[in-house]
Amino acid sequence: MGNGKRPSLCIKDFFRKTEETLKLRAILGKTGFERKINPTSLQKKIWPVQVWGKKEIKKLKSLSEKRRKSFFKENINKNTACVILAEGLAFYPETVTEARKKGLALFESQLTRRKCREQVKRFFTSSFLSPTLIPGGLLSIFGLGVLITGDSGIGKSESALELISRGHRFVSDDVTQVRKTTTGKLMGQSPPLSRYFMEIRGLGIINIKEIFGERRICRNSVLDLIINLKAWEEGREYDRLGLRFPENCNILGQKIPQINVPVGPGRNIATLIEIACKVHILRKKGYFAPLELTTKIRRALST
């Protein structure tokens, strides 16, 4: 599992890593470059980098010189680490003066405001939010990101291999690197060292990309569903109708639905996983086969 520590980042690092992609120009030299970005603000969806565009400039244009200073003070909070002005626009002198007083970095970008915001989000999502490692292999099945978990030796990798041969896409085997995006979703991918590789008992290490080709590989996937494979226990009573809803598994503060699938002799695990995914998709659409059947039974008994 991850150690929970968040990487440290200051504006100097942010500028160095995004200067080319965001087409940035520093307006105040290195003023504000040592200001730290607060990592907890991202978890609360409070952006440390503000991106302004034509809307803000139009607002400033309608204000007096005094009100322009107030506008800047009112729109900058304690979590703001820098301001980027997109669209190739220029800051008003009053804004530059107030930013210098506050020691706040100002940047101008040639990108559109929308594109600039997308690039900023992508940067923080991929580079800033630290991931954690969780046991289980991740596949993309019918458009769902499915994490397959279970005890060692129960057949997770063999089932994943069969699913890949059926056309589904491979993300990771045995362990998955999961991070929380700035939109609150969980994104899973393979750790860099084990990317494309899978361990199959009797065969050893195999390379999925080399065997099945690029089209069977998915670099990352949103985590939608967990399928937990459990050894079949003789004498245990299992839910035969499926009236119980999947339990939730808490990962990085997010609840992910989990379906427990008993594994016993003669059960085709890959097929069961596919059907479990189809059932989950139908439930999300509001269809529940057990409820439809029980309703028909009630109607038949009442006639």
C-alpha atoms as a PDB file:
ATOM      1  CA  MET A   1       0.000   0.000   0.000  1.00  0.00           C
ATOM      2  CA  GLY A   2       1.087   3.601  -0.442  1.00  0.00           C
ATOM      3  CA  ASN A   3       2.737   5.425   2.445  1.00  0.00           C
ATOM      4  CA  GLY A   4       0.161   8.240   2.252  1.00  0.00           C
ATOM      5  CA  LYS A   5       2.741  10.997   1.822  1.00  0.00           C
ATOM      6  CA  ARG A   6       2.125  13.621  -0.843  1.00  0.00           C
ATOM      7  CA  PRO A   7       4.961  14.941  -2.988  1.00  0.00           C
ATOM      8  CA  SER A   8       6.176  18.472  -2.364  1.00  0.00           C
ATOM      9  CA  LEU A   9       5.840  20.918  -5.232  1.00  0.00           C
ATOM     10  CA  CYS A  10       6.573  24.609  -5.570  1.00  0.00           C
ATOM     11  CA  ILE A  11       5.753  27.036  -8.376  1.00  0.00           C
ATOM     12  CA  LYS A  12       9.320  26.862  -9.681  1.00  0.00           C
ATOM     13  CA  ASP A  13       8.841  23.135 -10.357  1.00  0.00           C
ATOM     14  CA  PHE A  14       5.364  23.695 -11.802  1.00  0.00           C
ATOM     15  CA  PHE A  15       6.727  26.318 -14.237  1.00  0.00           C
ATOM     16  CA  ARG A  16       9.672  24.134 -15.249  1.00  0.00           C
ATOM     17  CA  LYS A  17       7.441  21.127 -15.988  1.00  0.00           C
ATOM     18  CA  THR A  18       4.635  22.975 -17.785  1.00  0.00           C
ATOM     19  CA  GLU A  19       6.369  25.917 -19.482  1.00  0.00           C
ATOM     20  CA  GLU A  20       6.369  24.188 -22.870  1.00  0.00           C
ATOM     21  CA  THR A  21       2.973  22.446 -22.782  1.00  0.00           C
ATOM     22  CA  LEU A  22       1.160  25.503 -21.387  1.00  0.00           C
ATOM     23  CA  LYS A  23       3.244  27.972 -23.428  1.00  0.00           C
ATOM     24  CA  LEU A  24       3.904  30.019 -20.296  1.00  0.00           C
ATOM     25  CA  ARG A  25       5.702  33.331 -19.879  1.00  0.00           C
ATOM     26  CA  ALA A  26       6.599  34.537 -16.380  1.00  0.00           C
ATOM     27  CA  ILE A  27       5.475  38.159 -15.940  1.00  0.00           C
ATOM     28  CA  LEU A  28       7.235  38.875 -12.645  1.00  0.00           C
ATOM     29  CA  GLY A  29      10.440  36.962 -13.231  1.00  0.00           C
ATOM     30  CA  LYS A  30      10.975  34.534 -10.358  1.00  0.00           C
ATOM     31  CA  THR A  31       8.585  36.301  -7.985  1.00  0.00           C
ATOM     32  CA  GLY A  32       6.452  33.687  -6.216  1.00  0.00           C
ATOM     33  CA  PHE A  33       8.532  30.765  -7.498  1.00  0.00           C
ATOM     34  CA  GLU A  34       9.203  29.465  -3.971  1.00  0.00           C
ATOM     35  CA  ARG A  35       5.523  29.424  -3.037  1.00  0.00           C
ATOM     36  CA  LYS A  36       4.406  25.904  -2.128  1.00  0.00           C
ATOM     37  CA  ILE A  37       1.345  24.207  -3.599  1.00  0.00           C
ATOM     38  CA  ASN A  38      -0.938  22.824  -0.917  1.00  0.00           C
ATOM     39  CA  PRO A  39      -1.623  19.151  -1.830  1.00  0.00           C
ATOM     40  CA  THR A  40      -4.703  18.869   0.409  1.00  0.00           C
ATOM     41  CA  SER A  41      -6.452  21.578  -1.598  1.00  0.00           C
ATOM     42  CA  LEU A  42      -6.589  19.233  -4.602  1.00  0.00           C
ATOM     43  CA  GLN A  43      -8.447  16.616  -2.572  1.00  0.00           C
ATOM     44  CA  LYS A  44     -11.026  19.304  -1.749  1.00  0.00           C
ATOM     45  CA  LYS A  45     -11.159  20.312  -5.452  1.00  0.00           C
ATOM     46  CA  ILE A  46      -9.727  23.748  -4.625  1.00  0.00           C
ATOM     47  CA  TRP A  47      -7.379  24.546  -7.489  1.00  0.00           C
ATOM     48  CA  PRO A  48      -4.025  26.090  -6.474  1.00  0.00           C
ATOM     49  CA  VAL A  49      -3.569  27.435 -10.012  1.00  0.00           C
ATOM     50  CA  GLN A  50      -6.163  29.929 -11.230  1.00  0.00           C
ATOM     51  CA  VAL A  51      -6.687  30.247 -14.982  1.00  0.00           C
ATOM     52  CA  TRP A  52      -8.175  33.518 -16.214  1.00  0.00           C
ATOM     53  CA  GLY A  53      -9.389  34.389 -19.678  1.00  0.00           C
ATOM     54  CA  LYS A  54     -11.534  36.864 -21.600  1.00  0.00           C
ATOM     55  CA  LYS A  55     -14.288  36.726 -18.978  1.00  0.00           C
ATOM     56  CA  GLU A  56     -12.020  38.041 -16.196  1.00  0.00           C
ATOM     57  CA  ILE A  57     -10.371  40.644 -18.442  1.00  0.00           C
ATOM     58  CA  LYS A  58     -13.778  41.888 -19.585  1.00  0.00           C
ATOM     59  CA  LYS A  59     -14.806  42.230 -15.942  1.00  0.00           C
ATOM     60  CA  LEU A  60     -11.605  44.110 -15.070  1.00  0.00           C
ATOM     61  CA  LYS A  61     -12.059  46.419 -18.057  1.00  0.00           C
ATOM     62  CA  SER A  62     -15.411  47.570 -16.703  1.00  0.00           C
ATOM     63  CA  LEU A  63     -13.913  48.486 -13.307  1.00  0.00           C
ATOM     64  CA  SER A  64     -12.076  51.564 -12.100  1.00  0.00           C
ATOM     65  CA  GLU A  65      -8.394  51.387 -11.176  1.00  0.00           C
ATOM     66  CA  LYS A  66      -9.281  51.127  -7.480  1.00  0.00           C
ATOM     67  CA  ARG A  67     -11.849  48.395  -8.068  1.00  0.00           C
ATOM     68  CA  ARG A  68      -9.354  46.416 -10.163  1.00  0.00           C
ATOM     69  CA  LYS A  69      -7.130  46.128  -7.105  1.00  0.00           C
ATOM     70  CA  SER A  70     -10.099  44.967  -5.036  1.00  0.00           C
ATOM     71  CA  PHE A  71     -11.064  42.434  -7.715  1.00  0.00           C
ATOM     72  CA  PHE A  72      -7.620  40.865  -7.490  1.00  0.00           C
ATOM     73  CA  LYS A  73      -7.711  40.681  -3.678  1.00  0.00           C
ATOM     74  CA  GLU A  74     -11.232  39.214  -3.669  1.00  0.00           C
ATOM     75  CA  ASN A  75     -10.427  36.487  -6.187  1.00  0.00           C
ATOM     76  CA  ILE A  76      -7.141  35.325  -4.681  1.00  0.00           C
ATOM     77  CA  ASN A  77      -7.471  32.996  -1.677  1.00  0.00           C
ATOM     78  CA  LYS A  78      -4.915  31.436   0.660  1.00  0.00           C
ATOM     79  CA  ASN A  79      -4.664  28.295  -1.526  1.00  0.00           C
ATOM     80  CA  THR A  80      -3.877  30.219  -4.721  1.00  0.00           C
ATOM     81  CA  ALA A  81      -0.281  29.521  -5.741  1.00  0.00           C
ATOM     82  CA  CYS A  82      -0.238  31.386  -9.080  1.00  0.00           C
ATOM     83  CA  VAL A  83      -2.468  32.882 -11.778  1.00  0.00           C
ATOM     84  CA  ILE A  84      -2.321  32.092 -15.493  1.00  0.00           C
ATOM     85  CA  LEU A  85      -3.887  34.475 -17.988  1.00  0.00           C
ATOM     86  CA  ALA A  86      -4.785  32.542 -21.154  1.00  0.00           C
ATOM     87  CA  GLU A  87      -5.916  33.559 -24.659  1.00  0.00           C
ATOM     88  CA  GLY A  88      -2.673  35.517 -25.259  1.00  0.00           C
ATOM     89  CA  LEU A  89      -4.065  38.375 -23.145  1.00  0.00           C
ATOM     90  CA  ALA A  90      -2.062  40.708 -20.920  1.00  0.00           C
ATOM     91  CA  PHE A  91      -2.543  41.528 -17.216  1.00  0.00           C
ATOM     92  CA  TYR A  92      -3.614  45.016 -16.193  1.00  0.00           C
ATOM     93  CA  PRO A  93      -0.840  47.025 -14.463  1.00  0.00           C
ATOM     94  CA  GLU A  94      -2.890  47.125 -11.233  1.00  0.00           C
ATOM     95  CA  THR A  95      -3.006  43.320 -11.161  1.00  0.00           C
ATOM     96  CA  VAL A  96       0.744  43.064 -11.701  1.00  0.00           C
ATOM     97  CA  THR A  97       1.381  45.552  -8.866  1.00  0.00           C
ATOM     98  CA  GLU A  98      -0.864  43.699  -6.412  1.00  0.00           C
ATOM     99  CA  ALA A  99       0.667  40.331  -7.361  1.00  0.00           C
ATOM    100  CA  ARG A 100       4.169  41.674  -6.750  1.00  0.00           C
ATOM    101  CA  LYS A 101       3.097  42.927  -3.305  1.00  0.00           C
ATOM    102  CA  LYS A 102       1.688  39.483  -2.441  1.00  0.00           C
ATOM    103  CA  GLY A 103       4.668  37.617  -3.896  1.00  0.00           C
ATOM    104  CA  LEU A 104       2.352  35.771  -6.262  1.00  0.00           C
ATOM    105  CA  ALA A 105       3.594  34.420  -9.605  1.00  0.00           C
ATOM    106  CA  LEU A 106       1.788  35.567 -12.751  1.00  0.00           C
ATOM    107  CA  PHE A 107       1.996  33.744 -16.072  1.00  0.00           C
ATOM    108  CA  GLU A 108       0.618  34.477 -19.503  1.00  0.00           C
ATOM    109  CA  SER A 109      -0.295  31.661 -21.912  1.00  0.00           C
ATOM    110  CA  GLN A 110      -1.102  31.542 -25.619  1.00  0.00           C
ATOM    111  CA  LEU A 111      -3.528  28.643 -25.113  1.00  0.00           C
ATOM    112  CA  THR A 112      -7.279  29.103 -24.868  1.00  0.00           C
ATOM    113  CA  ARG A 113      -8.696  29.211 -21.340  1.00  0.00           C
ATOM    114  CA  ARG A 114     -10.389  25.825 -21.790  1.00  0.00           C
ATOM    115  CA  LYS A 115      -7.252  24.147 -23.154  1.00  0.00           C
ATOM    116  CA  CYS A 116      -5.116  25.724 -20.454  1.00  0.00           C
ATOM    117  CA  ARG A 117      -7.422  24.460 -17.696  1.00  0.00           C
ATOM    118  CA  GLU A 118      -7.410  20.956 -19.220  1.00  0.00           C
ATOM    119  CA  GLN A 119      -3.612  20.883 -19.306  1.00  0.00           C
ATOM    120  CA  VAL A 120      -3.356  22.113 -15.703  1.00  0.00           C
ATOM    121  CA  LYS A 121      -5.798  19.405 -14.538  1.00  0.00           C
ATOM    122  CA  ARG A 122      -3.913  16.763 -16.492  1.00  0.00           C
ATOM    123  CA  PHE A 123      -0.626  17.841 -14.913  1.00  0.00           C
ATOM    124  CA  PHE A 124      -1.905  17.587 -11.341  1.00  0.00           C
ATOM    125  CA  THR A 125      -3.799  14.363 -12.031  1.00  0.00           C
ATOM    126  CA  SER A 126      -0.814  12.536 -13.540  1.00  0.00           C
ATOM    127  CA  SER A 127       2.079  14.066 -11.619  1.00  0.00           C
ATOM    128  CA  PHE A 128       0.916  15.360  -8.267  1.00  0.00           C
ATOM    129  CA  LEU A 129      -1.620  13.050  -6.665  1.00  0.00           C
ATOM    130  CA  SER A 130       0.395  10.142  -5.260  1.00  0.00           C
ATOM    131  CA  PRO A 131      -0.836   6.613  -6.017  1.00  0.00           C
ATOM    132  CA  THR A 132      -1.225   3.597  -3.770  1.00  0.00           C
ATOM    133  CA  LEU A 133      -0.696  -0.082  -4.533  1.00  0.00           C
ATOM    134  CA  ILE A 134      -3.542  -2.545  -4.036  1.00  0.00           C
ATOM    135  CA  PRO A 135      -3.563  -6.311  -4.650  1.00  0.00           C
ATOM    136  CA  GLY A 136      -5.440  -7.496  -7.718  1.00  0.00           C
ATOM    137  CA  GLY A 137      -5.313  -7.406 -11.491  1.00  0.00           C
ATOM    138  CA  LEU A 138      -7.165  -4.795 -13.544  1.00  0.00           C
ATOM    139  CA  LEU A 139      -8.907  -5.382 -16.867  1.00  0.00           C
ATOM    140  CA  SER A 140     -11.210  -3.349 -19.094  1.00  0.00           C
ATOM    141  CA  ILE A 141     -14.306  -5.525 -19.609  1.00  0.00           C
ATOM    142  CA  PHE A 142     -17.300  -4.239 -21.613  1.00  0.00           C
ATOM    143  CA  GLY A 143     -16.069  -0.698 -20.934  1.00  0.00           C
ATOM    144  CA  LEU A 144     -15.820  -1.263 -17.169  1.00  0.00           C
ATOM    145  CA  GLY A 145     -12.576  -1.057 -15.218  1.00  0.00           C
ATOM    146  CA  VAL A 146     -12.715  -4.339 -13.278  1.00  0.00           C
ATOM    147  CA  LEU A 147     -10.315  -5.179 -10.463  1.00  0.00           C
ATOM    148  CA  ILE A 148     -10.081  -8.963  -9.954  1.00  0.00           C
ATOM    149  CA  THR A 149      -9.064  -9.881  -6.413  1.00  0.00           C
ATOM    150  CA  GLY A 150      -8.911 -13.082  -4.379  1.00  0.00           C
ATOM    151  CA  ASP A 151      -6.657 -15.456  -2.512  1.00  0.00           C
ATOM    152  CA  SER A 152      -3.344 -16.525  -4.032  1.00  0.00           C
ATOM    153  CA  GLY A 153      -3.697 -19.523  -6.360  1.00  0.00           C
ATOM    154  CA  ILE A 154      -7.446 -19.173  -6.851  1.00  0.00           C
ATOM    155  CA  GLY A 155      -7.070 -18.505 -10.595  1.00  0.00           C
ATOM    156  CA  LYS A 156      -7.066 -14.719 -11.001  1.00  0.00           C
ATOM    157  CA  SER A 157      -4.331 -14.560 -13.653  1.00  0.00           C
ATOM    158  CA  GLU A 158      -5.600 -17.623 -15.564  1.00  0.00           C
ATOM    159  CA  SER A 159      -9.089 -16.100 -15.681  1.00  0.00           C
ATOM    160  CA  ALA A 160      -7.657 -12.750 -16.790  1.00  0.00           C
ATOM    161  CA  LEU A 161      -5.708 -14.515 -19.537  1.00  0.00           C
ATOM    162  CA  GLU A 162      -8.875 -16.164 -20.859  1.00  0.00           C
ATOM    163  CA  LEU A 163     -10.724 -12.841 -20.741  1.00  0.00           C
ATOM    164  CA  ILE A 164      -7.931 -11.202 -22.768  1.00  0.00           C
ATOM    165  CA  SER A 165      -8.138 -14.010 -25.336  1.00  0.00           C
ATOM    166  CA  ARG A 166     -11.886 -13.209 -25.628  1.00  0.00           C
ATOM    167  CA  GLY A 167     -11.121  -9.622 -26.620  1.00  0.00           C
ATOM    168  CA  HIS A 168     -11.038  -7.737 -23.320  1.00  0.00           C
ATOM    169  CA  ARG A 169      -8.125  -5.430 -22.508  1.00  0.00           C
ATOM    170  CA  PHE A 170      -5.313  -5.946 -19.998  1.00  0.00           C
ATOM    171  CA  VAL A 171      -4.185  -3.210 -17.600  1.00  0.00           C
ATOM    172  CA  SER A 172      -2.277  -4.924 -14.781  1.00  0.00           C
ATOM    173  CA  ASP A 173      -1.646  -8.275 -13.126  1.00  0.00           C
ATOM    174  CA  ASP A 174      -1.402  -9.189  -9.435  1.00  0.00           C
ATOM    175  CA  VAL A 175      -0.941  -5.615  -8.171  1.00  0.00           C
ATOM    176  CA  THR A 176      -2.472  -2.347  -9.402  1.00  0.00           C
ATOM    177  CA  GLN A 177      -1.352   1.224  -8.890  1.00  0.00           C
ATOM    178  CA  VAL A 178      -4.392   3.324  -8.011  1.00  0.00           C
ATOM    179  CA  ARG A 179      -4.637   7.093  -7.653  1.00  0.00           C
ATOM    180  CA  LYS A 180      -7.512   9.424  -6.990  1.00  0.00           C
ATOM    181  CA  THR A 181      -8.079  11.968  -9.742  1.00  0.00           C
ATOM    182  CA  THR A 182      -9.012  15.581  -9.103  1.00  0.00           C
ATOM    183  CA  THR A 183     -12.583  14.719 -10.136  1.00  0.00           C
ATOM    184  CA  GLY A 184     -12.798  12.112  -7.355  1.00  0.00           C
ATOM    185  CA  LYS A 185     -12.589   9.012  -9.579  1.00  0.00           C
ATOM    186  CA  LEU A 186     -10.096   6.188  -9.016  1.00  0.00           C
ATOM    187  CA  MET A 187      -7.684   5.546 -11.877  1.00  0.00           C
ATOM    188  CA  GLY A 188      -5.761   2.267 -12.047  1.00  0.00           C
ATOM    189  CA  GLN A 189      -2.671   1.308 -13.983  1.00  0.00           C
ATOM    190  CA  SER A 190       0.185  -1.151 -13.854  1.00  0.00           C
ATOM    191  CA  PRO A 191       3.349  -0.284 -11.906  1.00  0.00           C
ATOM    192  CA  PRO A 192       5.967   0.713 -14.528  1.00  0.00           C
ATOM    193  CA  LEU A 193       8.266  -2.265 -13.880  1.00  0.00           C
ATOM    194  CA  SER A 194       5.553  -4.911 -14.412  1.00  0.00           C
ATOM    195  CA  ARG A 195       3.662  -3.226 -17.258  1.00  0.00           C
ATOM    196  CA  TYR A 196       2.519  -5.742 -19.933  1.00  0.00           C
ATOM    197  CA  PHE A 197       3.720  -8.724 -17.848  1.00  0.00           C
ATOM    198  CA  MET A 198       1.674 -11.516 -16.263  1.00  0.00           C
ATOM    199  CA  GLU A 199       2.672 -14.536 -14.199  1.00  0.00           C
ATOM    200  CA  ILE A 200       1.023 -17.848 -15.093  1.00  0.00           C
ATOM    201  CA  ARG A 201       1.809 -20.932 -13.007  1.00  0.00           C
ATOM    202  CA  GLY A 202       3.550 -23.513 -15.198  1.00  0.00           C
ATOM    203  CA  LEU A 203       4.406 -20.965 -17.900  1.00  0.00           C
ATOM    204  CA  GLY A 204       6.189 -18.344 -15.825  1.00  0.00           C
ATOM    205  CA  ILE A 205       6.291 -14.695 -16.897  1.00  0.00           C
ATOM    206  CA  ILE A 206       4.578 -13.832 -20.177  1.00  0.00           C
ATOM    207  CA  ASN A 207       4.300 -10.529 -22.073  1.00  0.00           C
ATOM    208  CA  ILE A 208       0.657  -9.803 -22.945  1.00  0.00           C
ATOM    209  CA  LYS A 209       1.552  -7.095 -25.452  1.00  0.00           C
ATOM    210  CA  GLU A 210       3.918  -9.374 -27.395  1.00  0.00           C
ATOM    211  CA  ILE A 211       1.434 -12.288 -27.420  1.00  0.00           C
ATOM    212  CA  PHE A 212      -1.864 -10.517 -28.101  1.00  0.00           C
ATOM    213  CA  GLY A 213      -0.730  -7.197 -29.594  1.00  0.00           C
ATOM    214  CA  GLU A 214      -1.209  -3.526 -28.750  1.00  0.00           C
ATOM    215  CA  ARG A 215      -5.002  -3.669 -29.099  1.00  0.00           C
ATOM    216  CA  ARG A 216      -5.313  -5.951 -26.076  1.00  0.00           C
ATOM    217  CA  ILE A 217      -3.464  -3.427 -23.878  1.00  0.00           C
ATOM    218  CA  CYS A 218      -5.041  -0.581 -21.921  1.00  0.00           C
ATOM    219  CA  ARG A 219      -2.567   1.757 -20.201  1.00  0.00           C
ATOM    220  CA  ASN A 220      -5.021   2.827 -17.492  1.00  0.00           C
ATOM    221  CA  SER A 221      -8.678   2.588 -16.579  1.00  0.00           C
ATOM    222  CA  VAL A 222     -11.172   4.113 -14.182  1.00  0.00           C
ATOM    223  CA  LEU A 223     -11.967   1.625 -11.403  1.00  0.00           C
ATOM    224  CA  ASP A 224     -15.689   0.770 -11.681  1.00  0.00           C
ATOM    225  CA  LEU A 225     -16.117  -2.672 -10.128  1.00  0.00           C
ATOM    226  CA  ILE A 226     -14.299  -5.184  -7.930  1.00  0.00           C
ATOM    227  CA  ILE A 227     -14.842  -8.903  -8.443  1.00  0.00           C
ATOM    228  CA  ASN A 228     -13.562 -10.892  -5.484  1.00  0.00           C
ATOM    229  CA  LEU A 229     -12.964 -14.593  -6.168  1.00  0.00           C
ATOM    230  CA  LYS A 230     -13.574 -16.747  -3.092  1.00  0.00           C
ATOM    231  CA  ALA A 231     -13.012 -20.457  -2.621  1.00  0.00           C
ATOM    232  CA  TRP A 232     -16.262 -22.443  -2.591  1.00  0.00           C
ATOM    233  CA  GLU A 233     -17.126 -23.615   0.927  1.00  0.00           C
ATOM    234  CA  GLU A 234     -19.130 -26.817   1.248  1.00  0.00           C
ATOM    235  CA  GLY A 235     -22.196 -26.378   3.417  1.00  0.00           C
ATOM    236  CA  ARG A 236     -22.185 -22.590   3.196  1.00  0.00           C
ATOM    237  CA  GLU A 237     -25.442 -20.988   2.114  1.00  0.00           C
ATOM    238  CA  TYR A 238     -25.027 -18.630  -0.853  1.00  0.00           C
ATOM    239  CA  ASP A 239     -27.444 -16.047  -2.231  1.00  0.00           C
ATOM    240  CA  ARG A 240     -29.099 -17.985  -5.052  1.00  0.00           C
ATOM    241  CA  LEU A 241     -31.480 -15.288  -6.264  1.00  0.00           C
ATOM    242  CA  GLY A 242     -29.105 -12.339  -6.312  1.00  0.00           C
ATOM    243  CA  LEU A 243     -31.405 -10.096  -4.297  1.00  0.00           C
ATOM    244  CA  ARG A 244     -28.532  -8.738  -2.253  1.00  0.00           C
ATOM    245  CA  PHE A 245     -26.804  -5.722  -3.706  1.00  0.00           C
ATOM    246  CA  PRO A 246     -23.007  -5.787  -4.056  1.00  0.00           C
ATOM    247  CA  GLU A 247     -21.128  -4.676  -0.966  1.00  0.00           C
ATOM    248  CA  ASN A 248     -18.881  -1.633  -1.183  1.00  0.00           C
ATOM    249  CA  CYS A 249     -15.107  -1.659  -0.868  1.00  0.00           C
ATOM    250  CA  ASN A 250     -13.471   1.553   0.375  1.00  0.00           C
ATOM    251  CA  ILE A 251     -10.371   2.581  -1.600  1.00  0.00           C
ATOM    252  CA  LEU A 252      -8.789   5.992  -1.000  1.00  0.00           C
ATOM    253  CA  GLY A 253     -12.044   7.202   0.503  1.00  0.00           C
ATOM    254  CA  GLN A 254     -14.122   6.106  -2.514  1.00  0.00           C
ATOM    255  CA  LYS A 255     -16.742   3.344  -2.362  1.00  0.00           C
ATOM    256  CA  ILE A 256     -16.399   0.829  -5.198  1.00  0.00           C
ATOM    257  CA  PRO A 257     -19.063  -1.911  -5.646  1.00  0.00           C
ATOM    258  CA  GLN A 258     -17.696  -5.399  -5.009  1.00  0.00           C
ATOM    259  CA  ILE A 259     -19.209  -8.693  -6.146  1.00  0.00           C
ATOM    260  CA  ASN A 260     -18.072 -11.880  -4.404  1.00  0.00           C
ATOM    261  CA  VAL A 261     -17.928 -14.867  -6.771  1.00  0.00           C
ATOM    262  CA  PRO A 262     -17.532 -18.358  -5.226  1.00  0.00           C
ATOM    263  CA  VAL A 263     -15.041 -20.463  -7.194  1.00  0.00           C
ATOM    264  CA  GLY A 264     -15.458 -24.219  -7.261  1.00  0.00           C
ATOM    265  CA  PRO A 265     -14.739 -27.214  -9.513  1.00  0.00           C
ATOM    266  CA  GLY A 266     -16.366 -26.983 -12.927  1.00  0.00           C
ATOM    267  CA  ARG A 267     -17.121 -23.247 -12.736  1.00  0.00           C
ATOM    268  CA  ASN A 268     -15.871 -21.199 -15.684  1.00  0.00           C
ATOM    269  CA  ILE A 269     -14.480 -18.178 -13.862  1.00  0.00           C
ATOM    270  CA  ALA A 270     -13.954 -16.023 -16.967  1.00  0.00           C
ATOM    271  CA  THR A 271     -17.584 -16.487 -18.026  1.00  0.00           C
ATOM    272  CA  LEU A 272     -18.800 -15.732 -14.505  1.00  0.00           C
ATOM    273  CA  ILE A 273     -16.752 -12.511 -14.487  1.00  0.00           C
ATOM    274  CA  GLU A 274     -18.229 -11.457 -17.839  1.00  0.00           C
ATOM    275  CA  ILE A 275     -21.758 -12.122 -16.619  1.00  0.00           C
ATOM    276  CA  ALA A 276     -21.079 -10.287 -13.341  1.00  0.00           C
ATOM    277  CA  CYS A 277     -20.032  -7.256 -15.399  1.00  0.00           C
ATOM    278  CA  LYS A 278     -23.183  -7.470 -17.542  1.00  0.00           C
ATOM    279  CA  VAL A 279     -25.327  -7.745 -14.401  1.00  0.00           C
ATOM    280  CA  HIS A 280     -23.605  -4.677 -12.947  1.00  0.00           C
ATOM    281  CA  ILE A 281     -24.208  -2.681 -16.153  1.00  0.00           C
ATOM    282  CA  LEU A 282     -27.900  -3.657 -16.152  1.00  0.00           C
ATOM    283  CA  ARG A 283     -28.259  -2.717 -12.485  1.00  0.00           C
ATOM    284  CA  LYS A 284     -26.814   0.708 -13.221  1.00  0.00           C
ATOM    285  CA  LYS A 285     -29.510   1.062 -15.882  1.00  0.00           C
ATOM    286  CA  GLY A 286     -32.162   0.105 -13.334  1.00  0.00           C
ATOM    287  CA  TYR A 287     -32.850  -3.477 -14.389  1.00  0.00           C
ATOM    288  CA  PHE A 288     -32.835  -6.254 -11.713  1.00  0.00           C
ATOM    289  CA  ALA A 289     -33.595  -9.770 -12.960  1.00  0.00           C
ATOM    290  CA  PRO A 290     -34.352 -11.188  -9.442  1.00  0.00           C
ATOM    291  CA  LEU A 291     -36.937  -8.457  -8.842  1.00  0.00           C
ATOM    292  CA  GLU A 292     -38.572  -9.121 -12.202  1.00  0.00           C
ATOM    293  CA  LEU A 293     -38.792 -12.847 -11.399  1.00  0.00           C
ATOM    294  CA  THR A 294     -40.194 -12.335  -7.873  1.00  0.00           C
ATOM    295  CA  THR A 295     -42.760  -9.900  -9.284  1.00  0.00           C
ATOM    296  CA  LYS A 296     -43.905 -12.517 -11.819  1.00  0.00           C
ATOM    297  CA  ILE A 297     -44.136 -15.130  -9.060  1.00  0.00           C
ATOM    298  CA  ARG A 298     -46.257 -12.822  -6.875  1.00  0.00           C
ATOM    299  CA  ARG A 299     -48.594 -12.102  -9.796  1.00  0.00           C
ATOM    300  CA  ALA A 300     -48.906 -15.805 -10.575  1.00  0.00           C
ATOM    301  CA  LEU A 301     -49.679 -16.634  -6.927  1.00  0.00           C
ATOM    302  CA  SER A 302     -52.263 -13.845  -6.660  1.00  0.00           C
ATOM    303  CA  THR A 303     -54.315 -15.059  -9.633  1.00  0.00           C
END
